[in-house]
C-alpha atoms as a PDB file:
ATOM      1  CA  UNK A   1      15.006 -20.416   7.923  1.00  0.00           C
ATOM      2  CA  UNK A   2      15.652 -16.301   6.952  1.00  0.00           C
ATOM      3  CA  UNK A   3      13.092 -14.910   4.291  1.00  0.00           C
ATOM      4  CA  UNK A   4      15.535 -12.636   1.800  1.00  0.00           C
ATOM      5  CA  UNK A   5      13.063 -10.310   0.710  1.00  0.00           C
ATOM      6  CA  UNK A   6       9.520 -10.749  -0.391  1.00  0.00           C
ATOM      7  CA  UNK A   7       9.212 -12.231  -3.602  1.00  0.00           C
ATOM      8  CA  UNK A   8       6.018 -10.553  -5.026  1.00  0.00           C
ATOM      9  CA  UNK A   9       2.555  -9.715  -3.265  1.00  0.00           C
ATOM     10  CA  UNK A  10      -0.486 -10.750  -5.903  1.00  0.00           C
ATOM     11  CA  UNK A  11      -3.878  -8.449  -5.802  1.00  0.00           C
ATOM     12  CA  UNK A  12      -6.535  -9.063  -8.518  1.00  0.00           C
ATOM     13  CA  UNK A  13      -7.803  -6.840 -10.594  1.00  0.00           C
ATOM     14  CA  UNK A  14     -10.511  -5.724 -12.653  1.00  0.00           C
ATOM     15  CA  UNK A  15      -8.752  -5.520 -16.226  1.00  0.00           C
ATOM     16  CA  UNK A  16      -4.633  -6.767 -16.760  1.00  0.00           C
ATOM     17  CA  UNK A  17      -4.633  -4.034 -18.915  1.00  0.00           C
ATOM     18  CA  UNK A  18      -5.875  -0.680 -18.174  1.00  0.00           C
ATOM     19  CA  UNK A  19      -4.025  -1.886 -14.376  1.00  0.00           C
ATOM     20  CA  UNK A  20      -0.696  -2.246 -16.006  1.00  0.00           C
ATOM     21  CA  UNK A  21      -1.163   1.095 -17.603  1.00  0.00           C
ATOM     22  CA  UNK A  22      -2.469   2.957 -14.994  1.00  0.00           C
ATOM     23  CA  UNK A  23       0.865   2.003 -13.388  1.00  0.00           C
ATOM     24  CA  UNK A  24       3.208   2.349 -15.541  1.00  0.00           C
ATOM     25  CA  UNK A  25       1.587   5.803 -16.369  1.00  0.00           C
ATOM     26  CA  UNK A  26       0.483   6.702 -12.223  1.00  0.00           C
ATOM     27  CA  UNK A  27       3.561   5.411 -10.703  1.00  0.00           C
ATOM     28  CA  UNK A  28       6.081   4.624 -12.428  1.00  0.00           C
ATOM     29  CA  UNK A  29       6.269   1.531 -12.743  1.00  0.00           C
ATOM     30  CA  UNK A  30       7.995  -0.698 -15.249  1.00  0.00           C
ATOM     31  CA  UNK A  31       6.033  -3.618 -16.304  1.00  0.00           C
ATOM     32  CA  UNK A  32       8.117  -6.935 -16.534  1.00  0.00           C
ATOM     33  CA  UNK A  33       6.722 -10.070 -17.022  1.00  0.00           C
ATOM     34  CA  UNK A  34       2.970 -11.122 -18.245  1.00  0.00           C
ATOM     35  CA  UNK A  35       1.955 -15.114 -17.412  1.00  0.00           C
ATOM     36  CA  UNK A  36      -0.928 -16.393 -18.671  1.00  0.00           C
ATOM     37  CA  UNK A  37      -2.950 -20.291 -18.441  1.00  0.00           C
ATOM     38  CA  UNK A  38      -5.817 -22.090 -18.617  1.00  0.00           C
ATOM     39  CA  UNK A  39      -5.546 -23.826 -15.781  1.00  0.00           C
ATOM     40  CA  UNK A  40      -4.377 -22.686 -12.135  1.00  0.00           C
ATOM     41  CA  UNK A  41      -0.405 -24.543 -12.288  1.00  0.00           C
ATOM     42  CA  UNK A  42      -0.399 -24.677  -7.893  1.00  0.00           C
ATOM     43  CA  UNK A  43      -4.565 -26.473  -8.299  1.00  0.00           C
ATOM     44  CA  UNK A  44      -5.021 -27.569 -12.056  1.00  0.00           C
ATOM     45  CA  UNK A  45      -8.258 -25.964 -11.364  1.00  0.00           C
ATOM     46  CA  UNK A  46      -9.936 -24.732 -14.395  1.00  0.00           C
ATOM     47  CA  UNK A  47      -9.196 -21.505 -14.738  1.00  0.00           C
ATOM     48  CA  UNK A  48      -7.862 -19.057 -16.648  1.00  0.00           C
ATOM     49  CA  UNK A  49      -5.630 -16.499 -16.181  1.00  0.00           C
ATOM     50  CA  UNK A  50      -3.568 -12.962 -16.666  1.00  0.00           C
ATOM     51  CA  UNK A  51      -0.866 -13.184 -14.119  1.00  0.00           C
ATOM     52  CA  UNK A  52       0.860  -9.673 -14.634  1.00  0.00           C
ATOM     53  CA  UNK A  53       3.763  -7.818 -12.676  1.00  0.00           C
ATOM     54  CA  UNK A  54       5.494  -4.543 -11.893  1.00  0.00           C
ATOM     55  CA  UNK A  55       8.915  -2.477 -10.785  1.00  0.00           C
ATOM     56  CA  UNK A  56       8.159  -1.321  -7.849  1.00  0.00           C
ATOM     57  CA  UNK A  57      12.113  -0.886  -6.846  1.00  0.00           C
ATOM     58  CA  UNK A  58      14.873  -2.347  -5.550  1.00  0.00           C
ATOM     59  CA  UNK A  59      13.837  -5.781  -5.898  1.00  0.00           C
ATOM     60  CA  UNK A  60       9.488  -5.117  -4.957  1.00  0.00           C
ATOM     61  CA  UNK A  61       7.208  -6.860  -7.477  1.00  0.00           C
ATOM     62  CA  UNK A  62       3.636  -5.776  -7.048  1.00  0.00           C
ATOM     63  CA  UNK A  63       1.462  -8.164  -9.107  1.00  0.00           C
ATOM     64  CA  UNK A  64      -2.244  -9.007 -10.380  1.00  0.00           C
ATOM     65  CA  UNK A  65      -4.226 -11.304 -11.552  1.00  0.00           C
ATOM     66  CA  UNK A  66      -7.241 -10.912 -13.446  1.00  0.00           C
ATOM     67  CA  UNK A  67      -9.822 -13.610 -13.551  1.00  0.00           C
ATOM     68  CA  UNK A  68     -12.091 -13.467 -16.299  1.00  0.00           C
ATOM     69  CA  UNK A  69     -14.058 -16.779 -15.101  1.00  0.00           C
ATOM     70  CA  UNK A  70     -14.848 -15.484 -11.951  1.00  0.00           C
ATOM     71  CA  UNK A  71     -17.815 -13.097  -9.857  1.00  0.00           C
ATOM     72  CA  UNK A  72     -16.613  -9.278 -10.241  1.00  0.00           C
ATOM     73  CA  UNK A  73     -14.390  -8.314  -7.422  1.00  0.00           C
ATOM     74  CA  UNK A  74     -15.774  -7.048  -3.742  1.00  0.00           C
ATOM     75  CA  UNK A  75     -14.353  -5.548  -1.013  1.00  0.00           C
ATOM     76  CA  UNK A  76     -14.649  -7.612   2.942  1.00  0.00           C
ATOM     77  CA  UNK A  77     -17.213  -5.226   3.625  1.00  0.00           C
ATOM     78  CA  UNK A  78     -17.194  -5.430   7.577  1.00  0.00           C
ATOM     79  CA  UNK A  79     -13.487  -4.554   6.765  1.00  0.00           C
ATOM     80  CA  UNK A  80     -12.671   0.235   6.540  1.00  0.00           C
ATOM     81  CA  UNK A  81     -11.512   0.846   2.932  1.00  0.00           C
ATOM     82  CA  UNK A  82      -7.549   3.019   5.044  1.00  0.00           C
ATOM     83  CA  UNK A  83      -7.430  -0.688   6.602  1.00  0.00           C
ATOM     84  CA  UNK A  84      -5.948  -3.198   3.471  1.00  0.00           C
ATOM     85  CA  UNK A  85      -3.511  -0.726   0.976  1.00  0.00           C
ATOM     86  CA  UNK A  86      -0.348  -1.249  -0.774  1.00  0.00           C
ATOM     87  CA  UNK A  87       2.441   1.445   0.374  1.00  0.00           C
ATOM     88  CA  UNK A  88       5.024   2.535  -1.316  1.00  0.00           C
ATOM     89  CA  UNK A  89       8.659   4.736   0.656  1.00  0.00           C
ATOM     90  CA  UNK A  90       9.523   7.642  -1.716  1.00  0.00           C
ATOM     91  CA  UNK A  91      13.151   9.789  -1.340  1.00  0.00           C
ATOM     92  CA  UNK A  92      11.389  12.823   0.201  1.00  0.00           C
ATOM     93  CA  UNK A  93       8.413  15.304   1.431  1.00  0.00           C
ATOM     94  CA  UNK A  94       8.668  17.022  -2.426  1.00  0.00           C
ATOM     95  CA  UNK A  95       8.240  13.412  -4.485  1.00  0.00           C
ATOM     96  CA  UNK A  96       5.064  13.430  -2.004  1.00  0.00           C
ATOM     97  CA  UNK A  97       4.046  17.096  -3.325  1.00  0.00           C
ATOM     98  CA  UNK A  98       4.600  16.772  -6.944  1.00  0.00           C
ATOM     99  CA  UNK A  99       3.095  13.174  -7.416  1.00  0.00           C
ATOM    100  CA  UNK A 100       0.166  14.437  -5.105  1.00  0.00           C
ATOM    101  CA  UNK A 101      -0.448  17.508  -7.740  1.00  0.00           C
ATOM    102  CA  UNK A 102       0.348  14.871 -11.032  1.00  0.00           C
ATOM    103  CA  UNK A 103      -2.307  12.922  -9.621  1.00  0.00           C
ATOM    104  CA  UNK A 104      -5.291  15.715  -8.813  1.00  0.00           C
ATOM    105  CA  UNK A 105      -4.647  16.756 -11.930  1.00  0.00           C
ATOM    106  CA  UNK A 106      -5.122  13.340 -14.398  1.00  0.00           C
ATOM    107  CA  UNK A 107      -8.097  13.001 -11.365  1.00  0.00           C
ATOM    108  CA  UNK A 108      -6.998  10.859  -9.176  1.00  0.00           C
ATOM    109  CA  UNK A 109      -8.764  12.008  -5.607  1.00  0.00           C
ATOM    110  CA  UNK A 110      -5.487  12.029  -3.331  1.00  0.00           C
ATOM    111  CA  UNK A 111      -5.959  12.791   1.024  1.00  0.00           C
ATOM    112  CA  UNK A 112      -2.958  14.192   2.711  1.00  0.00           C
ATOM    113  CA  UNK A 113      -0.595  14.602   2.714  1.00  0.00           C
ATOM    114  CA  UNK A 114      -1.087  12.768   6.291  1.00  0.00           C
ATOM    115  CA  UNK A 115       2.216  13.726   8.951  1.00  0.00           C
ATOM    116  CA  UNK A 116       3.123  10.296  10.701  1.00  0.00           C
ATOM    117  CA  UNK A 117       5.622  12.328  12.448  1.00  0.00           C
ATOM    118  CA  UNK A 118       8.573   9.490  11.481  1.00  0.00           C
ATOM    119  CA  UNK A 119       7.086   9.524   7.947  1.00  0.00           C
ATOM    120  CA  UNK A 120       4.873  11.390   5.912  1.00  0.00           C
ATOM    121  CA  UNK A 121       1.763   9.929   3.414  1.00  0.00           C
ATOM    122  CA  UNK A 122      -0.580  10.929   0.694  1.00  0.00           C
ATOM    123  CA  UNK A 123      -2.858   7.670  -0.281  1.00  0.00           C
ATOM    124  CA  UNK A 124      -6.035   7.075  -3.372  1.00  0.00           C
ATOM    125  CA  UNK A 125      -7.054   4.493  -4.855  1.00  0.00           C
ATOM    126  CA  UNK A 126      -5.923   2.181  -8.576  1.00  0.00           C
ATOM    127  CA  UNK A 127      -8.853   2.002 -10.801  1.00  0.00           C
ATOM    128  CA  UNK A 128      -9.219  -1.764  -9.065  1.00  0.00           C
ATOM    129  CA  UNK A 129      -9.842  -0.325  -5.936  1.00  0.00           C
ATOM    130  CA  UNK A 130      -6.718  -0.693  -4.090  1.00  0.00           C
ATOM    131  CA  UNK A 131      -5.841   2.314  -1.631  1.00  0.00           C
ATOM    132  CA  UNK A 132      -2.567   3.564  -2.354  1.00  0.00           C
ATOM    133  CA  UNK A 133      -0.144   4.546   0.042  1.00  0.00           C
ATOM    134  CA  UNK A 134       3.088   6.681  -1.311  1.00  0.00           C
ATOM    135  CA  UNK A 135       5.366   7.463   2.361  1.00  0.00           C
ATOM    136  CA  UNK A 136       8.462   9.632   2.668  1.00  0.00           C
ATOM    137  CA  UNK A 137      10.461   8.627   5.247  1.00  0.00           C
ATOM    138  CA  UNK A 138      10.769  12.278   7.827  1.00  0.00           C
ATOM    139  CA  UNK A 139      11.855  10.697  11.218  1.00  0.00           C
ATOM    140  CA  UNK A 140      15.027  10.844  13.072  1.00  0.00           C
ATOM    141  CA  UNK A 141      17.166   7.807  14.608  1.00  0.00           C
ATOM    142  CA  UNK A 142      16.066   9.112  18.470  1.00  0.00           C
ATOM    143  CA  UNK A 143      12.095   9.211  17.268  1.00  0.00           C
ATOM    144  CA  UNK A 144      12.804   4.915  15.983  1.00  0.00           C
ATOM    145  CA  UNK A 145      14.761   4.619  18.927  1.00  0.00           C
ATOM    146  CA  UNK A 146      11.646   5.568  21.055  1.00  0.00           C
ATOM    147  CA  UNK A 147       9.132   3.619  19.369  1.00  0.00           C
ATOM    148  CA  UNK A 148      11.958   0.611  19.514  1.00  0.00           C
ATOM    149  CA  UNK A 149      11.191   0.270  22.773  1.00  0.00           C
ATOM    150  CA  UNK A 150       7.999   0.547  24.236  1.00  0.00           C
ATOM    151  CA  UNK A 151       6.955  -2.156  20.676  1.00  0.00           C
ATOM    152  CA  UNK A 152       6.470  -4.560  22.563  1.00  0.00           C
ATOM    153  CA  UNK A 153       4.905  -2.478  25.664  1.00  0.00           C
ATOM    154  CA  UNK A 154       2.229  -2.103  23.558  1.00  0.00           C
ATOM    155  CA  UNK A 155       1.536  -4.979  22.606  1.00  0.00           C
ATOM    156  CA  UNK A 156       1.457  -6.451  24.923  1.00  0.00           C
ATOM    157  CA  UNK A 157      -1.194  -4.219  26.713  1.00  0.00           C
ATOM    158  CA  UNK A 158      -2.940  -4.125  23.559  1.00  0.00           C
ATOM    159  CA  UNK A 159      -3.784  -7.435  23.902  1.00  0.00           C
ATOM    160  CA  UNK A 160      -4.967  -7.480  26.646  1.00  0.00           C
ATOM    161  CA  UNK A 161      -7.185  -4.570  26.081  1.00  0.00           C
ATOM    162  CA  UNK A 162      -8.080  -3.882  22.911  1.00  0.00           C
ATOM    163  CA  UNK A 163      -7.784  -0.526  23.673  1.00  0.00           C
ATOM    164  CA  UNK A 164      -4.838   1.714  21.968  1.00  0.00           C
ATOM    165  CA  UNK A 165      -1.688   2.364  24.119  1.00  0.00           C
ATOM    166  CA  UNK A 166      -0.442   5.950  23.915  1.00  0.00           C
ATOM    167  CA  UNK A 167       3.200   5.008  24.651  1.00  0.00           C
ATOM    168  CA  UNK A 168       3.721   6.692  21.033  1.00  0.00           C
ATOM    169  CA  UNK A 169       0.865   8.941  21.380  1.00  0.00           C
ATOM    170  CA  UNK A 170       3.365  11.085  20.706  1.00  0.00           C
ATOM    171  CA  UNK A 171       3.086  10.054  16.824  1.00  0.00           C
ATOM    172  CA  UNK A 172       0.032  12.017  15.625  1.00  0.00           C
ATOM    173  CA  UNK A 173      -0.651  14.533  18.080  1.00  0.00           C
ATOM    174  CA  UNK A 174       0.870  17.315  15.353  1.00  0.00           C
ATOM    175  CA  UNK A 175      -2.322  15.342  13.270  1.00  0.00           C
ATOM    176  CA  UNK A 176      -4.800  15.896  15.435  1.00  0.00           C
ATOM    177  CA  UNK A 177      -4.587  18.639  17.045  1.00  0.00           C
ATOM    178  CA  UNK A 178      -4.587  19.836  13.444  1.00  0.00           C
ATOM    179  CA  UNK A 179      -7.817  18.521  12.958  1.00  0.00           C
ATOM    180  CA  UNK A 180      -9.176  19.973  16.935  1.00  0.00           C
ATOM    181  CA  UNK A 181      -7.925  23.439  16.722  1.00  0.00           C
END
């Protein structure tokens, strides 16, 4: 078997209509599909839901479930907010800059532009509390080759020590130096 691509990624939302409108307005996604049932097809559980689908570009689909009969959404209190996020690729750093300005003008707090050396990113939250990242690739073929050459060494070292291997520390030198300096 070979996976062709992600069919869709589904998250929970507080309000399906608000969520669709937010993604259409702020990330220019198209609303492509809505499915609603009073029971879950896979489990047959009586649990009404609204399932909405948004076009995230190039065949990628972001979906949400509104579950009105379930307890309010929560977060894993043991996982920091920055860990679980949805990252979308954009075409350029200029697009990051323009989007950051547009989001901030709409009252949405934005972190970044963060320099990861091979890509630059901005971060913000959707109305459901899901962290969103927009990333623009800026790496060179040499950078990607360097990272590819050390990926298994890094993973194996991490598995043994649970300490950050330094093989690719060069990626964030500028970002951390900016904080220290």
